[in-house]
Amino acid sequence: IPDAVGISEECELVVNKATCSVKVVL
């Protein structure tokens, strides 16, 4: 799972720990 370093202010990282995947959403 990557760090949220460098993601713009209006976005956030949503983590799915069951699949070890991430999505960047508003």
PDB file of all heavy atoms in Angstrom:
ATOM      1  N   ILE A   1       0.851  -1.181   0.000  1.00  0.00           N
ATOM      2  CA  ILE A   1       0.000   0.000   0.000  1.00  0.00           C
ATOM      3  C   ILE A   1       0.891   1.236   0.000  1.00  0.00           C
ATOM      4  O   ILE A   1       1.667   1.438   0.918  1.00  0.00           O
ATOM      5  CB  ILE A   1      -0.933   0.004   1.222  1.00  0.00           C
ATOM      6  CG1 ILE A   1      -1.823  -1.237   1.175  1.00  0.00           C
ATOM      7  CG2 ILE A   1      -1.757   1.278   1.282  1.00  0.00           C
ATOM      8  CD1 ILE A   1      -2.653  -1.467   2.404  1.00  0.00           C
ATOM      9  N   PRO A   2       0.802   2.058  -1.038  1.00  0.00           N
ATOM     10  CA  PRO A   2       1.674   3.232  -1.122  1.00  0.00           C
ATOM     11  C   PRO A   2       1.312   4.296  -0.088  1.00  0.00           C
ATOM     12  O   PRO A   2       0.182   4.343   0.413  1.00  0.00           O
ATOM     13  CB  PRO A   2       1.436   3.756  -2.535  1.00  0.00           C
ATOM     14  CG  PRO A   2       0.079   3.271  -2.889  1.00  0.00           C
ATOM     15  CD  PRO A   2      -0.106   1.960  -2.177  1.00  0.00           C
ATOM     16  N   ASP A   3       2.286   5.125   0.235  1.00  0.00           N
ATOM     17  CA  ASP A   3       2.038   6.278   1.095  1.00  0.00           C
ATOM     18  C   ASP A   3       1.250   7.317   0.310  1.00  0.00           C
ATOM     19  O   ASP A   3       1.279   7.355  -0.907  1.00  0.00           O
ATOM     20  CB  ASP A   3       3.361   6.908   1.547  1.00  0.00           C
ATOM     21  CG  ASP A   3       4.141   5.995   2.479  1.00  0.00           C
ATOM     22  OD1 ASP A   3       3.508   5.179   3.171  1.00  0.00           O
ATOM     23  OD2 ASP A   3       5.374   6.105   2.504  1.00  0.00           O
ATOM     24  N   ALA A   4       0.587   8.195   1.017  1.00  0.00           N
ATOM     25  CA  ALA A   4      -0.203   9.251   0.378  1.00  0.00           C
ATOM     26  C   ALA A   4       0.637  10.495   0.096  1.00  0.00           C
ATOM     27  O   ALA A   4       0.108  11.584  -0.047  1.00  0.00           O
ATOM     28  CB  ALA A   4      -1.394   9.601   1.255  1.00  0.00           C
ATOM     29  N   VAL A   5       1.932  10.341  -0.016  1.00  0.00           N
ATOM     30  CA  VAL A   5       2.836  11.458  -0.256  1.00  0.00           C
ATOM     31  C   VAL A   5       2.582  12.039  -1.641  1.00  0.00           C
ATOM     32  O   VAL A   5       2.505  11.318  -2.625  1.00  0.00           O
ATOM     33  CB  VAL A   5       4.310  10.996  -0.150  1.00  0.00           C
ATOM     34  CG1 VAL A   5       5.257  12.111  -0.512  1.00  0.00           C
ATOM     35  CG2 VAL A   5       4.601  10.457   1.227  1.00  0.00           C
ATOM     36  N   GLY A   6       2.424  13.342  -1.721  1.00  0.00           N
ATOM     37  CA  GLY A   6       2.302  14.018  -2.997  1.00  0.00           C
ATOM     38  C   GLY A   6       0.905  14.067  -3.583  1.00  0.00           C
ATOM     39  O   GLY A   6       0.720  14.564  -4.679  1.00  0.00           O
ATOM     40  N   ILE A   7      -0.084  13.537  -2.878  1.00  0.00           N
ATOM     41  CA  ILE A   7      -1.456  13.599  -3.385  1.00  0.00           C
ATOM     42  C   ILE A   7      -2.000  14.994  -3.119  1.00  0.00           C
ATOM     43  O   ILE A   7      -1.807  15.561  -2.045  1.00  0.00           O
ATOM     44  CB  ILE A   7      -2.330  12.520  -2.728  1.00  0.00           C
ATOM     45  CG1 ILE A   7      -1.840  11.149  -3.181  1.00  0.00           C
ATOM     46  CG2 ILE A   7      -3.793  12.708  -3.082  1.00  0.00           C
ATOM     47  CD1 ILE A   7      -2.582  10.005  -2.584  1.00  0.00           C
ATOM     48  N   SER A   8      -2.702  15.547  -4.105  1.00  0.00           N
ATOM     49  CA  SER A   8      -3.206  16.912  -3.974  1.00  0.00           C
ATOM     50  C   SER A   8      -4.193  17.031  -2.811  1.00  0.00           C
ATOM     51  O   SER A   8      -4.786  16.046  -2.373  1.00  0.00           O
ATOM     52  CB  SER A   8      -3.855  17.369  -5.283  1.00  0.00           C
ATOM     53  OG  SER A   8      -4.997  16.588  -5.563  1.00  0.00           O
ATOM     54  N   GLU A   9      -4.360  18.253  -2.340  1.00  0.00           N
ATOM     55  CA  GLU A   9      -5.186  18.548  -1.153  1.00  0.00           C
ATOM     56  C   GLU A   9      -6.627  18.075  -1.277  1.00  0.00           C
ATOM     57  O   GLU A   9      -7.237  17.681  -0.306  1.00  0.00           O
ATOM     58  CB  GLU A   9      -5.171  20.050  -0.867  1.00  0.00           C
ATOM     59  CG  GLU A   9      -3.847  20.560  -0.361  1.00  0.00           C
ATOM     60  CD  GLU A   9      -3.561  20.121   1.060  1.00  0.00           C
ATOM     61  OE1 GLU A   9      -4.480  20.091   1.880  1.00  0.00           O
ATOM     62  OE2 GLU A   9      -2.391  19.801   1.329  1.00  0.00           O
ATOM     63  N   GLU A  10      -7.182  18.141  -2.495  1.00  0.00           N
ATOM     64  CA  GLU A  10      -8.594  17.779  -2.649  1.00  0.00           C
ATOM     65  C   GLU A  10      -8.818  16.275  -2.826  1.00  0.00           C
ATOM     66  O   GLU A  10      -9.946  15.820  -2.934  1.00  0.00           O
ATOM     67  CB  GLU A  10      -9.245  18.550  -3.806  1.00  0.00           C
ATOM     68  CG  GLU A  10      -8.696  18.220  -5.167  1.00  0.00           C
ATOM     69  CD  GLU A  10      -7.519  19.096  -5.574  1.00  0.00           C
ATOM     70  OE1 GLU A  10      -7.082  19.978  -4.815  1.00  0.00           O
ATOM     71  OE2 GLU A  10      -7.022  18.881  -6.671  1.00  0.00           O
ATOM     72  N   CYS A  11      -7.739  15.507  -2.813  1.00  0.00           N
ATOM     73  CA  CYS A  11      -7.831  14.059  -3.013  1.00  0.00           C
ATOM     74  C   CYS A  11      -7.426  13.305  -1.749  1.00  0.00           C
ATOM     75  O   CYS A  11      -6.756  13.842  -0.881  1.00  0.00           O
ATOM     76  CB  CYS A  11      -6.919  13.626  -4.152  1.00  0.00           C
ATOM     77  SG  CYS A  11      -7.238  14.427  -5.715  1.00  0.00           S
ATOM     78  N   GLU A  12      -7.841  12.034  -1.691  1.00  0.00           N
ATOM     79  CA  GLU A  12      -7.400  11.178  -0.606  1.00  0.00           C
ATOM     80  C   GLU A  12      -7.243   9.750  -1.118  1.00  0.00           C
ATOM     81  O   GLU A  12      -7.832   9.360  -2.119  1.00  0.00           O
ATOM     82  CB  GLU A  12      -8.356  11.229   0.580  1.00  0.00           C
ATOM     83  CG  GLU A  12      -9.691  10.581   0.369  1.00  0.00           C
ATOM     84  CD  GLU A  12     -10.574  10.642   1.602  1.00  0.00           C
ATOM     85  OE1 GLU A  12     -10.060  10.791   2.720  1.00  0.00           O
ATOM     86  OE2 GLU A  12     -11.795  10.543   1.442  1.00  0.00           O
ATOM     87  N   LEU A  13      -6.441   8.989  -0.413  1.00  0.00           N
ATOM     88  CA  LEU A  13      -6.157   7.606  -0.753  1.00  0.00           C
ATOM     89  C   LEU A  13      -7.131   6.722   0.007  1.00  0.00           C
ATOM     90  O   LEU A  13      -7.198   6.778   1.232  1.00  0.00           O
ATOM     91  CB  LEU A  13      -4.720   7.298  -0.329  1.00  0.00           C
ATOM     92  CG  LEU A  13      -3.976   6.170  -0.985  1.00  0.00           C
ATOM     93  CD1 LEU A  13      -3.796   6.436  -2.465  1.00  0.00           C
ATOM     94  CD2 LEU A  13      -2.627   6.004  -0.334  1.00  0.00           C
ATOM     95  N   VAL A  14      -7.898   5.896  -0.703  1.00  0.00           N
ATOM     96  CA  VAL A  14      -8.814   4.947  -0.075  1.00  0.00           C
ATOM     97  C   VAL A  14      -8.187   3.565  -0.212  1.00  0.00           C
ATOM     98  O   VAL A  14      -7.867   3.130  -1.319  1.00  0.00           O
ATOM     99  CB  VAL A  14     -10.208   4.981  -0.742  1.00  0.00           C
ATOM    100  CG1 VAL A  14     -11.117   3.920  -0.145  1.00  0.00           C
ATOM    101  CG2 VAL A  14     -10.825   6.360  -0.591  1.00  0.00           C
ATOM    102  N   VAL A  15      -7.988   2.884   0.916  1.00  0.00           N
ATOM    103  CA  VAL A  15      -7.287   1.608   0.947  1.00  0.00           C
ATOM    104  C   VAL A  15      -8.275   0.469   1.137  1.00  0.00           C
ATOM    105  O   VAL A  15      -9.138   0.523   2.004  1.00  0.00           O
ATOM    106  CB  VAL A  15      -6.251   1.594   2.096  1.00  0.00           C
ATOM    107  CG1 VAL A  15      -5.570   0.241   2.191  1.00  0.00           C
ATOM    108  CG2 VAL A  15      -5.242   2.701   1.919  1.00  0.00           C
ATOM    109  N   ASN A  16      -8.130  -0.574   0.311  1.00  0.00           N
ATOM    110  CA  ASN A  16      -8.888  -1.804   0.484  1.00  0.00           C
ATOM    111  C   ASN A  16      -7.897  -2.844   0.993  1.00  0.00           C
ATOM    112  O   ASN A  16      -7.116  -3.408   0.230  1.00  0.00           O
ATOM    113  CB  ASN A  16      -9.505  -2.243  -0.847  1.00  0.00           C
ATOM    114  CG  ASN A  16     -10.319  -3.504  -0.721  1.00  0.00           C
ATOM    115  OD1 ASN A  16     -10.123  -4.313   0.184  1.00  0.00           O
ATOM    116  ND2 ASN A  16     -11.238  -3.693  -1.643  1.00  0.00           N
ATOM    117  N   LYS A  17      -7.907  -3.095   2.305  1.00  0.00           N
ATOM    118  CA  LYS A  17      -6.930  -4.014   2.894  1.00  0.00           C
ATOM    119  C   LYS A  17      -7.185  -5.468   2.525  1.00  0.00           C
ATOM    120  O   LYS A  17      -6.283  -6.281   2.583  1.00  0.00           O
ATOM    121  CB  LYS A  17      -6.892  -3.837   4.408  1.00  0.00           C
ATOM    122  CG  LYS A  17      -6.243  -2.531   4.810  1.00  0.00           C
ATOM    123  CD  LYS A  17      -5.940  -2.478   6.276  1.00  0.00           C
ATOM    124  CE  LYS A  17      -5.217  -1.173   6.589  1.00  0.00           C
ATOM    125  NZ  LYS A  17      -4.799  -1.093   7.963  1.00  0.00           N
ATOM    126  N   ALA A  18      -8.417  -5.796   2.116  1.00  0.00           N
ATOM    127  CA  ALA A  18      -8.717  -7.166   1.703  1.00  0.00           C
ATOM    128  C   ALA A  18      -7.983  -7.524   0.418  1.00  0.00           C
ATOM    129  O   ALA A  18      -7.533  -8.652   0.237  1.00  0.00           O
ATOM    130  CB  ALA A  18     -10.218  -7.351   1.523  1.00  0.00           C
ATOM    131  N   THR A  19      -7.846  -6.537  -0.490  1.00  0.00           N
ATOM    132  CA  THR A  19      -7.174  -6.782  -1.766  1.00  0.00           C
ATOM    133  C   THR A  19      -5.813  -6.088  -1.846  1.00  0.00           C
ATOM    134  O   THR A  19      -5.136  -6.200  -2.859  1.00  0.00           O
ATOM    135  CB  THR A  19      -8.048  -6.288  -2.940  1.00  0.00           C
ATOM    136  OG1 THR A  19      -8.257  -4.879  -2.800  1.00  0.00           O
ATOM    137  CG2 THR A  19      -9.380  -7.016  -2.972  1.00  0.00           C
ATOM    138  N   CYS A  20      -5.446  -5.359  -0.801  1.00  0.00           N
ATOM    139  CA  CYS A  20      -4.189  -4.592  -0.777  1.00  0.00           C
ATOM    140  C   CYS A  20      -4.111  -3.627  -1.957  1.00  0.00           C
ATOM    141  O   CYS A  20      -3.071  -3.471  -2.590  1.00  0.00           O
ATOM    142  CB  CYS A  20      -2.974  -5.508  -0.752  1.00  0.00           C
ATOM    143  SG  CYS A  20      -2.894  -6.567   0.693  1.00  0.00           S
ATOM    144  N   SER A  21      -5.225  -2.992  -2.263  1.00  0.00           N
ATOM    145  CA  SER A  21      -5.262  -2.047  -3.377  1.00  0.00           C
ATOM    146  C   SER A  21      -5.681  -0.670  -2.875  1.00  0.00           C
ATOM    147  O   SER A  21      -6.213  -0.539  -1.777  1.00  0.00           O
ATOM    148  CB  SER A  21      -6.239  -2.527  -4.455  1.00  0.00           C
ATOM    149  OG  SER A  21      -7.547  -2.618  -3.938  1.00  0.00           O
ATOM    150  N   VAL A  22      -5.390   0.330  -3.689  1.00  0.00           N
ATOM    151  CA  VAL A  22      -5.717   1.707  -3.328  1.00  0.00           C
ATOM    152  C   VAL A  22      -6.419   2.398  -4.492  1.00  0.00           C
ATOM    153  O   VAL A  22      -6.300   1.980  -5.641  1.00  0.00           O
ATOM    154  CB  VAL A  22      -4.468   2.532  -2.938  1.00  0.00           C
ATOM    155  CG1 VAL A  22      -3.827   1.990  -1.697  1.00  0.00           C
ATOM    156  CG2 VAL A  22      -3.487   2.595  -4.074  1.00  0.00           C
ATOM    157  N   LYS A  23      -7.127   3.448  -4.150  1.00  0.00           N
ATOM    158  CA  LYS A  23      -7.802   4.273  -5.148  1.00  0.00           C
ATOM    159  C   LYS A  23      -7.674   5.711  -4.676  1.00  0.00           C
ATOM    160  O   LYS A  23      -7.802   5.994  -3.489  1.00  0.00           O
ATOM    161  CB  LYS A  23      -9.268   3.858  -5.205  1.00  0.00           C
ATOM    162  CG  LYS A  23     -10.074   4.452  -6.306  1.00  0.00           C
ATOM    163  CD  LYS A  23     -11.525   4.053  -6.094  1.00  0.00           C
ATOM    164  CE  LYS A  23     -12.138   3.520  -7.340  1.00  0.00           C
ATOM    165  NZ  LYS A  23     -13.554   3.195  -7.156  1.00  0.00           N
ATOM    166  N   VAL A  24      -7.390   6.626  -5.589  1.00  0.00           N
ATOM    167  CA  VAL A  24      -7.312   8.040  -5.256  1.00  0.00           C
ATOM    168  C   VAL A  24      -8.641   8.674  -5.666  1.00  0.00           C
ATOM    169  O   VAL A  24      -9.023   8.619  -6.832  1.00  0.00           O
ATOM    170  CB  VAL A  24      -6.135   8.733  -5.978  1.00  0.00           C
ATOM    171  CG1 VAL A  24      -6.077  10.198  -5.606  1.00  0.00           C
ATOM    172  CG2 VAL A  24      -4.823   8.042  -5.638  1.00  0.00           C
ATOM    173  N   VAL A  25      -9.350   9.225  -4.677  1.00  0.00           N
ATOM    174  CA  VAL A  25     -10.679   9.804  -4.924  1.00  0.00           C
ATOM    175  C   VAL A  25     -10.737  11.233  -4.396  1.00  0.00           C
ATOM    176  O   VAL A  25      -9.910  11.640  -3.570  1.00  0.00           O
ATOM    177  CB  VAL A  25     -11.797   8.965  -4.259  1.00  0.00           C
ATOM    178  CG1 VAL A  25     -11.859   7.572  -4.854  1.00  0.00           C
ATOM    179  CG2 VAL A  25     -11.616   8.903  -2.758  1.00  0.00           C
ATOM    180  N   LEU A  26     -11.733  11.953  -4.869  1.00  0.00           N
ATOM    181  CA  LEU A  26     -11.974  13.302  -4.357  1.00  0.00           C
ATOM    182  C   LEU A  26     -12.510  13.212  -2.932  1.00  0.00           C
ATOM    183  O   LEU A  26     -13.365  12.375  -2.637  1.00  0.00           O
ATOM    184  CB  LEU A  26     -12.993  14.036  -5.228  1.00  0.00           C
ATOM    185  CG  LEU A  26     -12.528  14.490  -6.602  1.00  0.00           C
ATOM    186  CD1 LEU A  26     -13.717  14.987  -7.417  1.00  0.00           C
ATOM    187  CD2 LEU A  26     -11.475  15.567  -6.480  1.00  0.00           C
TER     188      LEU A  26
END
